[in-house]
Amino acid sequence: MKQTKFSYEKAIEELKEILSNVQKDKYTLDEMTEAMDRAQELLKKCEEALRKAQDKVVEIKK
């Protein structure tokens, strides 16, 4: 299976959509659980992308 390239911007948009749906009570309990799992996954990937970018900036400054 081909893995798609991670996009920080797309992840942020998806997180915003999840948050909006939570705030509008658009999820059942089961859907909420799935959405929170997905949000956690996206946040982890975003944090990793930010760490990598920060490491590159630090390396460039040396």
PDB file of N, CA and C in Angstrom:
ATOM      1  N   MET A   1       0.850  -1.184   0.000  1.00  0.00           N
ATOM      2  CA  MET A   1       0.000   0.000   0.000  1.00  0.00           C
ATOM      3  C   MET A   1       0.890   1.240   0.000  1.00  0.00           C
ATOM      4  N   LYS A   2       0.594   2.173  -0.862  1.00  0.00           N
ATOM      5  CA  LYS A   2       1.377   3.403  -0.974  1.00  0.00           C
ATOM      6  C   LYS A   2       1.000   4.366   0.155  1.00  0.00           C
ATOM      7  N   GLN A   3       2.043   4.899   0.811  1.00  0.00           N
ATOM      8  CA  GLN A   3       1.811   5.837   1.897  1.00  0.00           C
ATOM      9  C   GLN A   3       1.835   7.257   1.326  1.00  0.00           C
ATOM     10  N   THR A   4       0.849   8.063   1.709  1.00  0.00           N
ATOM     11  CA  THR A   4       0.824   9.437   1.238  1.00  0.00           C
ATOM     12  C   THR A   4       1.750  10.287   2.096  1.00  0.00           C
ATOM     13  N   LYS A   5       2.303  11.326   1.492  1.00  0.00           N
ATOM     14  CA  LYS A   5       3.214  12.212   2.201  1.00  0.00           C
ATOM     15  C   LYS A   5       2.430  13.047   3.214  1.00  0.00           C
ATOM     16  N   PHE A   6       2.994  13.166   4.406  1.00  0.00           N
ATOM     17  CA  PHE A   6       2.357  13.935   5.472  1.00  0.00           C
ATOM     18  C   PHE A   6       2.379  15.417   5.122  1.00  0.00           C
ATOM     19  N   SER A   7       1.271  16.082   5.350  1.00  0.00           N
ATOM     20  CA  SER A   7       1.171  17.531   5.154  1.00  0.00           C
ATOM     21  C   SER A   7       0.734  18.167   6.472  1.00  0.00           C
ATOM     22  N   TYR A   8       1.621  18.988   7.029  1.00  0.00           N
ATOM     23  CA  TYR A   8       1.324  19.676   8.281  1.00  0.00           C
ATOM     24  C   TYR A   8       0.057  20.514   8.127  1.00  0.00           C
ATOM     25  N   GLU A   9      -0.037  21.241   7.040  1.00  0.00           N
ATOM     26  CA  GLU A   9      -1.188  22.120   6.817  1.00  0.00           C
ATOM     27  C   GLU A   9      -2.495  21.340   6.726  1.00  0.00           C
ATOM     28  N   LYS A  10      -2.472  20.214   6.031  1.00  0.00           N
ATOM     29  CA  LYS A  10      -3.685  19.391   5.921  1.00  0.00           C
ATOM     30  C   LYS A  10      -4.061  18.793   7.280  1.00  0.00           C
ATOM     31  N   ALA A  11      -3.052  18.427   8.050  1.00  0.00           N
ATOM     32  CA  ALA A  11      -3.320  17.877   9.384  1.00  0.00           C
ATOM     33  C   ALA A  11      -3.981  18.926  10.270  1.00  0.00           C
ATOM     34  N   ILE A  12      -3.485  20.155  10.213  1.00  0.00           N
ATOM     35  CA  ILE A  12      -4.073  21.242  11.003  1.00  0.00           C
ATOM     36  C   ILE A  12      -5.522  21.479  10.577  1.00  0.00           C
ATOM     37  N   GLU A  13      -5.778  21.453   9.286  1.00  0.00           N
ATOM     38  CA  GLU A  13      -7.152  21.632   8.800  1.00  0.00           C
ATOM     39  C   GLU A  13      -8.063  20.514   9.309  1.00  0.00           C
ATOM     40  N   GLU A  14      -7.566  19.288   9.298  1.00  0.00           N
ATOM     41  CA  GLU A  14      -8.372  18.171   9.794  1.00  0.00           C
ATOM     42  C   GLU A  14      -8.620  18.304  11.293  1.00  0.00           C
ATOM     43  N   LEU A  15      -7.606  18.746  12.038  1.00  0.00           N
ATOM     44  CA  LEU A  15      -7.784  18.975  13.475  1.00  0.00           C
ATOM     45  C   LEU A  15      -8.831  20.061  13.730  1.00  0.00           C
ATOM     46  N   LYS A  16      -8.805  21.106  12.940  1.00  0.00           N
ATOM     47  CA  LYS A  16      -9.803  22.176  13.074  1.00  0.00           C
ATOM     48  C   LYS A  16     -11.203  21.642  12.797  1.00  0.00           C
ATOM     49  N   GLU A  17     -11.318  20.778  11.799  1.00  0.00           N
ATOM     50  CA  GLU A  17     -12.614  20.186  11.461  1.00  0.00           C
ATOM     51  C   GLU A  17     -13.124  19.296  12.599  1.00  0.00           C
ATOM     52  N   ILE A  18     -12.227  18.499  13.163  1.00  0.00           N
ATOM     53  CA  ILE A  18     -12.600  17.647  14.294  1.00  0.00           C
ATOM     54  C   ILE A  18     -13.071  18.508  15.458  1.00  0.00           C
ATOM     55  N   LEU A  19     -12.314  19.548  15.784  1.00  0.00           N
ATOM     56  CA  LEU A  19     -12.685  20.445  16.876  1.00  0.00           C
ATOM     57  C   LEU A  19     -14.045  21.090  16.626  1.00  0.00           C
ATOM     58  N   SER A  20     -14.262  21.554  15.425  1.00  0.00           N
ATOM     59  CA  SER A  20     -15.540  22.178  15.080  1.00  0.00           C
ATOM     60  C   SER A  20     -16.696  21.199  15.273  1.00  0.00           C
ATOM     61  N   ASN A  21     -16.499  19.968  14.814  1.00  0.00           N
ATOM     62  CA  ASN A  21     -17.546  18.952  14.960  1.00  0.00           C
ATOM     63  C   ASN A  21     -17.809  18.614  16.417  1.00  0.00           C
ATOM     64  N   VAL A  22     -16.761  18.592  17.217  1.00  0.00           N
ATOM     65  CA  VAL A  22     -16.932  18.333  18.659  1.00  0.00           C
ATOM     66  C   VAL A  22     -17.727  19.472  19.286  1.00  0.00           C
ATOM     67  N   GLN A  23     -17.361  20.708  18.965  1.00  0.00           N
ATOM     68  CA  GLN A  23     -18.035  21.869  19.539  1.00  0.00           C
ATOM     69  C   GLN A  23     -19.504  21.940  19.133  1.00  0.00           C
ATOM     70  N   LYS A  24     -19.826  21.411  17.960  1.00  0.00           N
ATOM     71  CA  LYS A  24     -21.210  21.440  17.469  1.00  0.00           C
ATOM     72  C   LYS A  24     -21.976  20.161  17.810  1.00  0.00           C
ATOM     73  N   ASP A  25     -21.372  19.314  18.641  1.00  0.00           N
ATOM     74  CA  ASP A  25     -22.001  18.046  19.050  1.00  0.00           C
ATOM     75  C   ASP A  25     -22.449  17.212  17.852  1.00  0.00           C
ATOM     76  N   LYS A  26     -21.601  17.114  16.838  1.00  0.00           N
ATOM     77  CA  LYS A  26     -21.953  16.358  15.633  1.00  0.00           C
ATOM     78  C   LYS A  26     -21.582  14.881  15.721  1.00  0.00           C
ATOM     79  N   TYR A  27     -20.957  14.468  16.804  1.00  0.00           N
ATOM     80  CA  TYR A  27     -20.496  13.090  16.923  1.00  0.00           C
ATOM     81  C   TYR A  27     -21.322  12.303  17.933  1.00  0.00           C
ATOM     82  N   THR A  28     -21.520  11.022  17.617  1.00  0.00           N
ATOM     83  CA  THR A  28     -22.016  10.093  18.621  1.00  0.00           C
ATOM     84  C   THR A  28     -20.828   9.761  19.528  1.00  0.00           C
ATOM     85  N   LEU A  29     -21.069   9.048  20.586  1.00  0.00           N
ATOM     86  CA  LEU A  29     -19.986   8.685  21.493  1.00  0.00           C
ATOM     87  C   LEU A  29     -18.913   7.863  20.776  1.00  0.00           C
ATOM     88  N   ASP A  30     -19.336   6.912  19.971  1.00  0.00           N
ATOM     89  CA  ASP A  30     -18.377   6.087  19.226  1.00  0.00           C
ATOM     90  C   ASP A  30     -17.589   6.927  18.222  1.00  0.00           C
ATOM     91  N   GLU A  31     -18.270   7.820  17.525  1.00  0.00           N
ATOM     92  CA  GLU A  31     -17.591   8.699  16.571  1.00  0.00           C
ATOM     93  C   GLU A  31     -16.619   9.633  17.288  1.00  0.00           C
ATOM     94  N   MET A  32     -17.017  10.098  18.474  1.00  0.00           N
ATOM     95  CA  MET A  32     -16.149  10.970  19.261  1.00  0.00           C
ATOM     96  C   MET A  32     -14.864  10.246  19.629  1.00  0.00           C
ATOM     97  N   THR A  33     -14.982   8.993  20.030  1.00  0.00           N
ATOM     98  CA  THR A  33     -13.808   8.200  20.385  1.00  0.00           C
ATOM     99  C   THR A  33     -12.878   8.064  19.185  1.00  0.00           C
ATOM    100  N   GLU A  34     -13.436   7.761  18.031  1.00  0.00           N
ATOM    101  CA  GLU A  34     -12.633   7.650  16.805  1.00  0.00           C
ATOM    102  C   GLU A  34     -11.989   8.983  16.450  1.00  0.00           C
ATOM    103  N   ALA A  35     -12.751  10.060  16.569  1.00  0.00           N
ATOM    104  CA  ALA A  35     -12.227  11.387  16.240  1.00  0.00           C
ATOM    105  C   ALA A  35     -11.088  11.775  17.179  1.00  0.00           C
ATOM    106  N   MET A  36     -11.216  11.444  18.449  1.00  0.00           N
ATOM    107  CA  MET A  36     -10.155  11.769  19.412  1.00  0.00           C
ATOM    108  C   MET A  36      -8.895  10.944  19.141  1.00  0.00           C
ATOM    109  N   ASP A  37      -9.081   9.686  18.745  1.00  0.00           N
ATOM    110  CA  ASP A  37      -7.931   8.858  18.367  1.00  0.00           C
ATOM    111  C   ASP A  37      -7.225   9.460  17.150  1.00  0.00           C
ATOM    112  N   ARG A  38      -8.013   9.885  16.180  1.00  0.00           N
ATOM    113  CA  ARG A  38      -7.441  10.488  14.969  1.00  0.00           C
ATOM    114  C   ARG A  38      -6.732  11.805  15.317  1.00  0.00           C
ATOM    115  N   ALA A  39      -7.339  12.611  16.165  1.00  0.00           N
ATOM    116  CA  ALA A  39      -6.733  13.879  16.569  1.00  0.00           C
ATOM    117  C   ALA A  39      -5.406  13.629  17.268  1.00  0.00           C
ATOM    118  N   GLN A  40      -5.356  12.628  18.119  1.00  0.00           N
ATOM    119  CA  GLN A  40      -4.127  12.286  18.826  1.00  0.00           C
ATOM    120  C   GLN A  40      -3.027  11.894  17.831  1.00  0.00           C
ATOM    121  N   GLU A  41      -3.403  11.098  16.847  1.00  0.00           N
ATOM    122  CA  GLU A  41      -2.463  10.676  15.810  1.00  0.00           C
ATOM    123  C   GLU A  41      -1.934  11.887  15.028  1.00  0.00           C
ATOM    124  N   LEU A  42      -2.838  12.775  14.648  1.00  0.00           N
ATOM    125  CA  LEU A  42      -2.444  13.968  13.901  1.00  0.00           C
ATOM    126  C   LEU A  42      -1.540  14.879  14.730  1.00  0.00           C
ATOM    127  N   LEU A  43      -1.880  15.058  15.996  1.00  0.00           N
ATOM    128  CA  LEU A  43      -1.058  15.901  16.868  1.00  0.00           C
ATOM    129  C   LEU A  43       0.352  15.338  17.009  1.00  0.00           C
ATOM    130  N   LYS A  44       0.459  14.042  17.135  1.00  0.00           N
ATOM    131  CA  LYS A  44       1.771  13.404  17.245  1.00  0.00           C
ATOM    132  C   LYS A  44       2.598  13.660  15.987  1.00  0.00           C
ATOM    133  N   LYS A  45       1.975  13.522  14.817  1.00  0.00           N
ATOM    134  CA  LYS A  45       2.680  13.760  13.555  1.00  0.00           C
ATOM    135  C   LYS A  45       3.067  15.235  13.400  1.00  0.00           C
ATOM    136  N   CYS A  46       2.187  16.129  13.833  1.00  0.00           N
ATOM    137  CA  CYS A  46       2.493  17.563  13.763  1.00  0.00           C
ATOM    138  C   CYS A  46       3.667  17.909  14.674  1.00  0.00           C
ATOM    139  N   GLU A  47       3.657  17.372  15.876  1.00  0.00           N
ATOM    140  CA  GLU A  47       4.754  17.617  16.812  1.00  0.00           C
ATOM    141  C   GLU A  47       6.070  17.107  16.246  1.00  0.00           C
ATOM    142  N   GLU A  48       6.037  15.953  15.613  1.00  0.00           N
ATOM    143  CA  GLU A  48       7.237  15.383  15.004  1.00  0.00           C
ATOM    144  C   GLU A  48       7.737  16.277  13.864  1.00  0.00           C
ATOM    145  N   ALA A  49       6.816  16.762  13.040  1.00  0.00           N
ATOM    146  CA  ALA A  49       7.197  17.643  11.933  1.00  0.00           C
ATOM    147  C   ALA A  49       7.805  18.942  12.458  1.00  0.00           C
ATOM    148  N   LEU A  50       7.235  19.486  13.512  1.00  0.00           N
ATOM    149  CA  LEU A  50       7.770  20.715  14.101  1.00  0.00           C
ATOM    150  C   LEU A  50       9.150  20.483  14.712  1.00  0.00           C
ATOM    151  N   ARG A  51       9.340  19.345  15.357  1.00  0.00           N
ATOM    152  CA  ARG A  51      10.650  19.015  15.926  1.00  0.00           C
ATOM    153  C   ARG A  51      11.709  18.917  14.836  1.00  0.00           C
ATOM    154  N   LYS A  52      11.348  18.258  13.733  1.00  0.00           N
ATOM    155  CA  LYS A  52      12.286  18.117  12.618  1.00  0.00           C
ATOM    156  C   LYS A  52      12.644  19.486  12.035  1.00  0.00           C
ATOM    157  N   ALA A  53      11.641  20.339  11.884  1.00  0.00           N
ATOM    158  CA  ALA A  53      11.897  21.682  11.357  1.00  0.00           C
ATOM    159  C   ALA A  53      12.792  22.467  12.310  1.00  0.00           C
ATOM    160  N   GLN A  54      12.541  22.353  13.593  1.00  0.00           N
ATOM    161  CA  GLN A  54      13.356  23.053  14.582  1.00  0.00           C
ATOM    162  C   GLN A  54      14.798  22.536  14.545  1.00  0.00           C
ATOM    163  N   ASP A  55      14.965  21.236  14.427  1.00  0.00           N
ATOM    164  CA  ASP A  55      16.306  20.661  14.340  1.00  0.00           C
ATOM    165  C   ASP A  55      17.050  21.199  13.127  1.00  0.00           C
ATOM    166  N   LYS A  56      16.350  21.343  11.998  1.00  0.00           N
ATOM    167  CA  LYS A  56      16.988  21.882  10.791  1.00  0.00           C
ATOM    168  C   LYS A  56      17.405  23.336  11.005  1.00  0.00           C
ATOM    169  N   VAL A  57      16.562  24.120  11.657  1.00  0.00           N
ATOM    170  CA  VAL A  57      16.894  25.519  11.919  1.00  0.00           C
ATOM    171  C   VAL A  57      18.123  25.611  12.813  1.00  0.00           C
ATOM    172  N   VAL A  58      18.158  24.781  13.842  1.00  0.00           N
ATOM    173  CA  VAL A  58      19.315  24.767  14.752  1.00  0.00           C
ATOM    174  C   VAL A  58      20.568  24.388  13.985  1.00  0.00           C
ATOM    175  N   GLU A  59      20.472  23.394  13.119  1.00  0.00           N
ATOM    176  CA  GLU A  59      21.614  22.951  12.325  1.00  0.00           C
ATOM    177  C   GLU A  59      22.104  24.051  11.386  1.00  0.00           C
ATOM    178  N   ILE A  60      21.189  24.768  10.793  1.00  0.00           N
ATOM    179  CA  ILE A  60      21.546  25.859   9.874  1.00  0.00           C
ATOM    180  C   ILE A  60      22.261  26.985  10.621  1.00  0.00           C
ATOM    181  N   LYS A  61      21.828  27.254  11.835  1.00  0.00           N
ATOM    182  CA  LYS A  61      22.409  28.340  12.623  1.00  0.00           C
ATOM    183  C   LYS A  61      23.841  28.048  13.061  1.00  0.00           C
ATOM    184  N   LYS A  62      24.247  26.769  13.059  1.00  0.00           N
ATOM    185  CA  LYS A  62      25.603  26.401  13.518  1.00  0.00           C
ATOM    186  C   LYS A  62      26.673  26.895  12.584  1.00  0.00           C
TER     187      LYS A  62
END
